[in-house]
């Protein structure tokens, strides 16, 4: 924001950033160093170069999976597109500013620094809304346009109609298309939902009315919150009081768990019970376990027992009353003749 609006006041630049995050969170968050967001309690203990490379790779994967609007993206977002370097990203924005919006993916080849190899790697991740070719707004790579043209020709309808009416794809005869099955599946999936944003819908937690500060918390309150971090000793939950509370691992579940990740994950919306809140230390103790149904009794040999003792046995461990004596079991065979006879008389001794 400082580079884009150097003459504006800091508060105004901040307001612009917030507005952009509401429009497209990804395009703004890529400008933030991921290490500054906080990626775990041990992020400062690992190799920083390896951590940075891993985080950069994760961001690149997210950006390419979502796709980038070529006519609105900043260079900070474009540089994460596969095949595009920081310098090339800046060249794309400069070309767009000087020549107007892109109307075709092929125009990328006019940008300084974009050659056939870069185009091949990047084109499928860049979107152009309202361009010359309707396929430019989808994730279909230009190399596969001919396949879509074959599909439209076989159905007997323009490409625009195929995109608008995906049910027409049910008429496609796969055997007549000159393309591999995996590539064809990807193309058909994209045409069924062209330009669909693969990100899940964000659901915000419903914070309790009137609970805005730590002093508003009272023991026994049941609140809704969102898990902000998961550590080896528990999970931190934001309940809307500007201070995350801790759900200790012993308060995560009625079941025995070795790792808190077995019970919750970051971003999950949960119900918690307030166990305590200390304003001096600003510590909040929460529980999820106390809102769960108690664990059921153990099941052993087909019968439920609370203590794990043998079923159908009276309390105190006493043996069941004796009934009629069982008939004595026949004595096992002793001699060789008896043993062979027990096998069915098939063998005889000399």
Protein backbone atom coordinates (compact mmCIF):
# COMPACT_ATOMS: atom_id res chain seq x y z
CA UNK A 1 0.00 0.00 0.00
CA UNK A 2 2.90 2.36 0.72
CA UNK A 3 4.24 1.84 -2.81
CA UNK A 4 0.81 2.21 -4.42
CA UNK A 5 -0.35 5.21 -2.36
CA UNK A 6 2.79 6.97 -1.07
CA UNK A 7 0.98 10.31 -0.62
CA UNK A 8 -1.88 8.97 1.49
CA UNK A 9 -2.00 8.95 5.27
CA UNK A 10 -1.24 5.67 7.06
CA UNK A 11 -4.81 5.35 8.35
CA UNK A 12 -6.21 5.81 4.83
CA UNK A 13 -3.85 3.17 3.43
CA UNK A 14 -4.95 0.86 6.23
CA UNK A 15 -8.61 1.42 5.35
CA UNK A 16 -7.89 0.60 1.70
CA UNK A 17 -6.16 -2.61 2.74
CA UNK A 18 -9.12 -3.65 4.91
CA UNK A 19 -11.55 -2.96 2.06
CA UNK A 20 -9.44 -5.03 -0.32
CA UNK A 21 -9.35 -7.90 2.14
CA UNK A 22 -13.14 -7.91 2.15
CA UNK A 23 -13.17 -8.02 -1.66
CA UNK A 24 -10.47 -10.68 -2.05
CA UNK A 25 -8.58 -11.74 1.09
CA UNK A 26 -5.96 -13.75 -0.79
CA UNK A 27 -4.80 -10.84 -2.95
CA UNK A 28 -4.05 -8.75 0.14
CA UNK A 29 -2.74 -11.41 2.50
CA UNK A 30 0.00 -12.46 0.05
CA UNK A 31 1.59 -9.07 0.73
CA UNK A 32 2.17 -10.05 4.36
CA UNK A 33 5.25 -12.03 5.30
CA UNK A 34 3.73 -15.38 6.40
CA UNK A 35 6.14 -15.60 9.33
CA UNK A 36 4.64 -12.38 10.68
CA UNK A 37 1.21 -14.03 10.88
CA UNK A 38 2.45 -16.83 13.13
CA UNK A 39 2.68 -20.39 11.87
CA UNK A 40 3.30 -22.32 15.07
CA UNK A 41 5.01 -22.12 18.42
CA UNK A 42 8.27 -23.58 17.09
CA UNK A 43 8.63 -21.38 14.00
CA UNK A 44 11.73 -19.66 15.44
CA UNK A 45 13.40 -22.96 16.36
CA UNK A 46 13.55 -24.48 12.88
CA UNK A 47 15.84 -23.64 9.97
CA UNK A 48 14.58 -20.23 8.82
CA UNK A 49 15.58 -20.72 5.19
CA UNK A 50 13.75 -24.05 4.99
CA UNK A 51 10.74 -22.51 6.74
CA UNK A 52 10.63 -19.60 4.30
CA UNK A 53 10.86 -21.93 1.30
CA UNK A 54 8.08 -24.12 2.66
CA UNK A 55 5.81 -21.15 3.33
CA UNK A 56 6.49 -19.69 -0.12
CA UNK A 57 5.63 -23.04 -1.70
CA UNK A 58 2.37 -23.21 0.28
CA UNK A 59 1.34 -19.71 -0.81
CA UNK A 60 2.19 -20.51 -4.42
CA UNK A 61 0.05 -23.65 -4.28
CA UNK A 62 -2.90 -21.69 -2.86
CA UNK A 63 -2.65 -18.91 -5.43
CA UNK A 64 -2.44 -21.31 -8.37
CA UNK A 65 -5.32 -23.42 -7.07
CA UNK A 66 -7.58 -20.37 -6.79
CA UNK A 67 -6.38 -18.63 -9.95
CA UNK A 68 -5.60 -14.96 -10.56
CA UNK A 69 -7.53 -12.28 -12.44
CA UNK A 70 -4.96 -10.94 -14.91
CA UNK A 71 -6.60 -7.51 -15.11
CA UNK A 72 -6.91 -6.77 -11.40
CA UNK A 73 -4.04 -8.62 -9.71
CA UNK A 74 -1.14 -6.71 -8.20
CA UNK A 75 2.43 -7.73 -8.97
CA UNK A 76 2.75 -9.07 -5.41
CA UNK A 77 0.03 -11.60 -6.24
CA UNK A 78 1.17 -12.33 -9.80
CA UNK A 79 4.67 -13.28 -8.63
CA UNK A 80 3.22 -16.38 -6.96
CA UNK A 81 1.76 -17.67 -10.23
CA UNK A 82 3.71 -20.64 -11.57
CA UNK A 83 6.46 -19.55 -13.97
CA UNK A 84 6.22 -15.82 -13.17
CA UNK A 85 9.11 -14.13 -11.38
CA UNK A 86 8.90 -10.88 -9.43
CA UNK A 87 10.38 -8.92 -12.33
CA UNK A 88 7.99 -10.51 -14.83
CA UNK A 89 5.04 -9.76 -12.54
CA UNK A 90 6.03 -6.10 -12.45
CA UNK A 91 6.36 -6.09 -16.26
CA UNK A 92 2.83 -7.48 -16.61
CA UNK A 93 1.37 -4.74 -14.41
CA UNK A 94 3.39 -2.08 -16.25
CA UNK A 95 2.18 -3.39 -19.63
CA UNK A 96 -1.41 -3.37 -18.36
CA UNK A 97 -1.10 0.21 -17.10
CA UNK A 98 0.37 1.43 -20.40
CA UNK A 99 -1.76 -0.55 -22.86
CA UNK A 100 -5.03 -1.17 -21.07
CA UNK A 101 -6.64 -4.40 -19.93
CA UNK A 102 -5.81 -7.77 -21.43
CA UNK A 103 -8.55 -9.20 -23.64
CA UNK A 104 -6.78 -12.47 -24.45
CA UNK A 105 -4.30 -14.78 -22.79
CA UNK A 106 -2.24 -14.67 -25.97
CA UNK A 107 -1.46 -11.01 -25.24
CA UNK A 108 0.79 -12.18 -22.43
CA UNK A 109 3.38 -13.03 -25.07
CA UNK A 110 3.64 -9.29 -25.81
CA UNK A 111 4.92 -8.60 -22.30
CA UNK A 112 8.66 -8.19 -21.84
CA UNK A 113 10.06 -11.27 -20.12
CA UNK A 114 7.19 -13.60 -21.04
CA UNK A 115 8.36 -16.25 -23.48
CA UNK A 116 6.73 -19.49 -24.67
CA UNK A 117 7.93 -21.43 -21.61
CA UNK A 118 6.63 -18.86 -19.12
CA UNK A 119 3.34 -18.69 -21.02
CA UNK A 120 3.01 -22.47 -20.95
CA UNK A 121 3.51 -22.58 -17.18
CA UNK A 122 1.38 -19.57 -16.23
CA UNK A 123 -1.49 -19.28 -18.71
CA UNK A 124 -3.77 -21.86 -17.10
CA UNK A 125 -3.70 -20.03 -13.75
CA UNK A 126 -4.54 -16.59 -15.16
CA UNK A 127 -8.15 -15.53 -15.78
CA UNK A 128 -9.57 -12.87 -18.11
CA UNK A 129 -13.20 -11.96 -17.47
CA UNK A 130 -15.17 -10.77 -20.48
CA UNK A 131 -12.35 -11.44 -22.92
CA UNK A 132 -12.41 -12.45 -26.58
CA UNK A 133 -12.32 -16.18 -25.82
CA UNK A 134 -14.73 -17.36 -23.10
CA UNK A 135 -12.29 -20.12 -22.17
CA UNK A 136 -9.83 -17.46 -20.97
CA UNK A 137 -12.02 -17.07 -17.88
CA UNK A 138 -11.69 -20.75 -16.96
CA UNK A 139 -8.89 -22.98 -15.70
CA UNK A 140 -8.70 -24.76 -19.06
CA UNK A 141 -5.18 -24.34 -20.43
CA UNK A 142 -4.85 -22.84 -23.96
CA UNK A 143 -3.22 -26.10 -25.07
CA UNK A 144 -6.56 -27.83 -24.39
CA UNK A 145 -8.80 -25.32 -26.17
CA UNK A 146 -8.90 -27.62 -29.21
CA UNK A 147 -10.46 -30.35 -27.04
CA UNK A 148 -13.24 -28.00 -25.93
CA UNK A 149 -13.74 -27.01 -29.56
CA UNK A 150 -14.11 -30.71 -30.45
CA UNK A 151 -16.65 -31.14 -27.65
CA UNK A 152 -18.67 -28.12 -28.82
CA UNK A 153 -18.53 -29.34 -32.42
CA UNK A 154 -19.67 -32.85 -31.46
CA UNK A 155 -22.60 -31.44 -29.48
CA UNK A 156 -23.38 -28.96 -32.24
CA UNK A 157 -23.35 -25.83 -30.11
CA UNK A 158 -21.05 -22.81 -29.57
CA UNK A 159 -18.47 -22.90 -26.77
CA UNK A 160 -20.34 -20.12 -24.94
CA UNK A 161 -23.41 -22.36 -24.68
CA UNK A 162 -21.32 -25.28 -23.40
CA UNK A 163 -20.05 -23.07 -20.57
CA UNK A 164 -23.50 -21.65 -19.77
CA UNK A 165 -25.27 -25.03 -19.98
CA UNK A 166 -22.96 -27.69 -18.51
CA UNK A 167 -25.72 -30.31 -18.76
CA UNK A 168 -24.91 -30.44 -22.49
CA UNK A 169 -21.68 -32.23 -21.56
CA UNK A 170 -23.68 -35.38 -20.83
CA UNK A 171 -23.97 -35.83 -24.60
CA UNK A 172 -20.19 -36.05 -25.06
CA UNK A 173 -18.87 -39.27 -26.63
CA UNK A 174 -15.50 -39.65 -24.90
CA UNK A 175 -14.26 -42.28 -27.33
CA UNK A 176 -14.24 -39.75 -30.18
CA UNK A 177 -11.99 -37.25 -28.39
CA UNK A 178 -8.25 -37.31 -28.95
CA UNK A 179 -7.13 -36.69 -25.36
CA UNK A 180 -6.09 -38.69 -22.30
CA UNK A 181 -8.74 -39.65 -19.76
CA UNK A 182 -7.19 -37.66 -16.88
CA UNK A 183 -6.91 -34.48 -18.95
CA UNK A 184 -10.44 -34.94 -20.26
CA UNK A 185 -11.82 -35.40 -16.74
CA UNK A 186 -10.15 -32.16 -15.64
CA UNK A 187 -11.54 -30.28 -18.64
CA UNK A 188 -15.08 -31.59 -18.16
CA UNK A 189 -14.98 -30.84 -14.43
CA UNK A 190 -13.93 -27.25 -15.13
CA UNK A 191 -16.60 -26.80 -17.82
CA UNK A 192 -19.27 -28.03 -15.40
CA UNK A 193 -18.29 -25.28 -12.95
CA UNK A 194 -16.36 -22.72 -15.03
CA UNK A 195 -14.35 -20.19 -13.06
CA UNK A 196 -15.55 -21.66 -9.77
CA UNK A 197 -13.58 -20.47 -6.77
CA UNK A 198 -12.38 -23.68 -5.06
CA UNK A 199 -12.09 -22.00 -1.66
CA UNK A 200 -14.56 -23.13 0.97
CA UNK A 201 -17.18 -20.67 2.12
CA UNK A 202 -15.96 -18.79 5.17
CA UNK A 203 -18.22 -19.16 8.19
CA UNK A 204 -17.60 -16.72 11.03
CA UNK A 205 -18.29 -17.69 14.65
CA UNK A 206 -21.24 -16.08 16.42
CA UNK A 207 -19.67 -14.27 19.35
CA UNK A 208 -21.95 -13.70 22.33
CA UNK A 209 -23.68 -10.34 22.62
CA UNK A 210 -22.30 -8.21 25.44
CA UNK A 211 -19.13 -10.29 25.82
CA UNK A 212 -16.45 -7.98 24.45
CA UNK A 213 -13.81 -7.78 27.17
CA UNK A 214 -12.08 -10.28 29.42
CA UNK A 215 -13.93 -8.76 32.39
CA UNK A 216 -17.24 -9.80 30.78
CA UNK A 217 -16.40 -13.49 31.12
CA UNK A 218 -17.97 -15.45 33.95
CA UNK A 219 -17.32 -19.00 35.07
CA UNK A 220 -19.81 -21.42 33.55
CA UNK A 221 -20.55 -19.34 30.45
CA UNK A 222 -21.04 -21.32 27.24
CA UNK A 223 -19.66 -19.45 24.23
CA UNK A 224 -18.96 -20.01 20.57
CA UNK A 225 -15.45 -19.40 19.31
CA UNK A 226 -12.91 -20.29 16.66
CA UNK A 227 -9.70 -22.28 17.13
CA UNK A 228 -6.75 -19.99 16.37
CA UNK A 229 -3.84 -22.30 17.17
CA UNK A 230 -3.23 -25.91 18.17
CA UNK A 231 -0.19 -26.85 20.25
CA UNK A 232 1.01 -30.04 21.89
CA UNK A 233 -0.59 -29.04 25.21
CA UNK A 234 -3.96 -27.84 23.94
CA UNK A 235 -5.78 -25.40 21.68
CA UNK A 236 -6.28 -21.64 21.77
CA UNK A 237 -9.77 -20.34 21.06
CA UNK A 238 -10.92 -16.81 20.23
CA UNK A 239 -14.24 -16.07 21.95
CA UNK A 240 -14.36 -12.39 20.97
CA UNK A 241 -12.66 -10.71 23.94
CA UNK A 242 -9.34 -9.75 22.29
CA UNK A 243 -7.54 -12.50 24.21
CA UNK A 244 -7.49 -16.15 23.22
CA UNK A 245 -8.42 -18.72 25.83
CA UNK A 246 -6.70 -22.06 26.34
CA UNK A 247 -8.46 -25.41 26.15
CA UNK A 248 -5.94 -27.71 27.82
CA UNK A 249 -5.51 -31.13 26.22
CA UNK A 250 -7.22 -32.66 29.26
CA UNK A 251 -10.31 -30.53 28.52
CA UNK A 252 -10.52 -31.22 24.78
CA UNK A 253 -12.37 -34.53 24.74
CA UNK A 254 -13.94 -37.19 26.93
CA UNK A 255 -11.90 -39.69 24.96
CA UNK A 256 -8.20 -40.22 25.54
CA UNK A 257 -6.12 -38.35 22.96
CA UNK A 258 -2.36 -38.13 22.57
CA UNK A 259 -2.38 -35.14 20.24
CA UNK A 260 -4.79 -32.16 20.35
CA UNK A 261 -4.98 -32.33 16.54
CA UNK A 262 -7.06 -35.48 17.01
CA UNK A 263 -9.84 -33.35 18.51
CA UNK A 264 -9.68 -29.92 16.83
CA UNK A 265 -8.04 -28.04 13.98
CA UNK A 266 -7.18 -24.42 13.31
CA UNK A 267 -10.16 -22.46 11.99
CA UNK A 268 -12.73 -24.85 13.46
CA UNK A 269 -15.75 -23.28 15.16
CA UNK A 270 -16.36 -24.80 18.59
CA UNK A 271 -18.53 -24.43 21.67
CA UNK A 272 -16.60 -23.88 24.90
CA UNK A 273 -17.36 -23.54 28.59
CA UNK A 274 -15.55 -20.90 30.63
CA UNK A 275 -13.69 -22.49 33.54
CA UNK A 276 -12.03 -19.29 34.68
CA UNK A 277 -10.73 -15.88 33.61
CA UNK A 278 -7.92 -14.01 35.37
CA UNK A 279 -7.76 -10.32 34.49
CA UNK A 280 -4.34 -9.82 36.11
CA UNK A 281 -2.57 -12.54 34.15
CA UNK A 282 -5.03 -12.22 31.23
CA UNK A 283 -5.45 -15.96 31.12
CA UNK A 284 -8.66 -17.67 30.12
CA UNK A 285 -9.32 -21.33 30.85
CA UNK A 286 -11.87 -23.09 28.66
CA UNK A 287 -13.30 -26.57 28.21
CA UNK A 288 -14.85 -28.44 25.31
CA UNK A 289 -15.04 -31.76 27.12
CA UNK A 290 -17.56 -30.55 29.68
CA UNK A 291 -20.06 -29.80 26.91
CA UNK A 292 -19.72 -33.25 25.35
CA UNK A 293 -21.82 -36.27 26.21
CA UNK A 294 -19.96 -38.53 28.66
CA UNK A 295 -18.10 -41.45 27.17
CA UNK A 296 -20.16 -44.66 27.10
CA UNK A 297 -19.35 -47.75 29.19
CA UNK A 298 -16.77 -50.21 27.99
CA UNK A 299 -18.03 -53.13 25.94
CA UNK A 300 -16.55 -56.53 26.69
CA UNK A 301 -17.66 -59.92 25.39
CA UNK A 302 -20.86 -58.43 24.02
CA UNK A 303 -21.95 -56.89 27.35
CA UNK A 304 -21.46 -53.36 28.66
CA UNK A 305 -19.66 -53.15 31.99
CA UNK A 306 -18.49 -50.08 33.82
CA UNK A 307 -15.58 -51.76 35.57
CA UNK A 308 -14.47 -54.10 32.82
CA UNK A 309 -15.32 -57.17 34.94
CA UNK A 310 -16.68 -60.30 33.36
CA UNK A 311 -20.34 -59.99 32.31
CA UNK A 312 -23.18 -61.73 34.11
CA UNK A 313 -21.18 -61.92 37.34
CA UNK A 314 -22.74 -60.57 40.54
CA UNK A 315 -21.28 -57.45 42.15
CA UNK A 316 -18.29 -58.07 44.38
CA UNK A 317 -16.68 -60.54 42.02
CA UNK A 318 -18.44 -63.60 43.48
CA UNK A 319 -18.81 -66.65 41.28
CA UNK A 320 -22.30 -67.50 40.03
CA UNK A 321 -24.17 -70.09 42.10
CA UNK A 322 -23.29 -73.64 41.26
CA UNK A 323 -25.85 -75.59 39.27
CA UNK A 324 -25.91 -79.24 38.33
CA UNK A 325 -22.44 -80.77 38.14
CA UNK A 326 -21.11 -81.05 34.66
CA UNK A 327 -20.51 -84.53 33.31
CA UNK A 328 -16.90 -85.57 33.58
CA UNK A 329 -14.91 -85.15 30.41
CA UNK A 330 -13.66 -88.40 28.86
CA UNK A 331 -10.08 -89.27 29.68
CA UNK A 332 -7.65 -88.46 26.89
CA UNK A 333 -6.21 -91.43 24.97
CA UNK A 334 -3.00 -92.74 26.47
CA UNK A 335 -1.72 -95.65 24.37
CA UNK A 336 -0.80 -95.48 20.70
CA UNK A 337 -3.75 -97.73 19.83
CA UNK A 338 -6.16 -95.43 21.67
CA UNK A 339 -4.75 -92.35 19.96
CA UNK A 340 -5.07 -93.94 16.52
CA UNK A 341 -8.58 -95.11 17.32
CA UNK A 342 -9.49 -91.53 18.24
CA UNK A 343 -8.56 -90.56 14.69
CA UNK A 344 -11.42 -92.65 13.37
CA UNK A 345 -9.99 -96.11 13.22
CA UNK A 346 -8.26 -95.41 9.93
CA UNK A 347 -4.91 -96.59 11.21
CA UNK A 348 -3.90 -99.92 12.66
CA UNK A 349 -0.85 -100.88 14.62
CA UNK A 350 1.29 -103.76 13.61
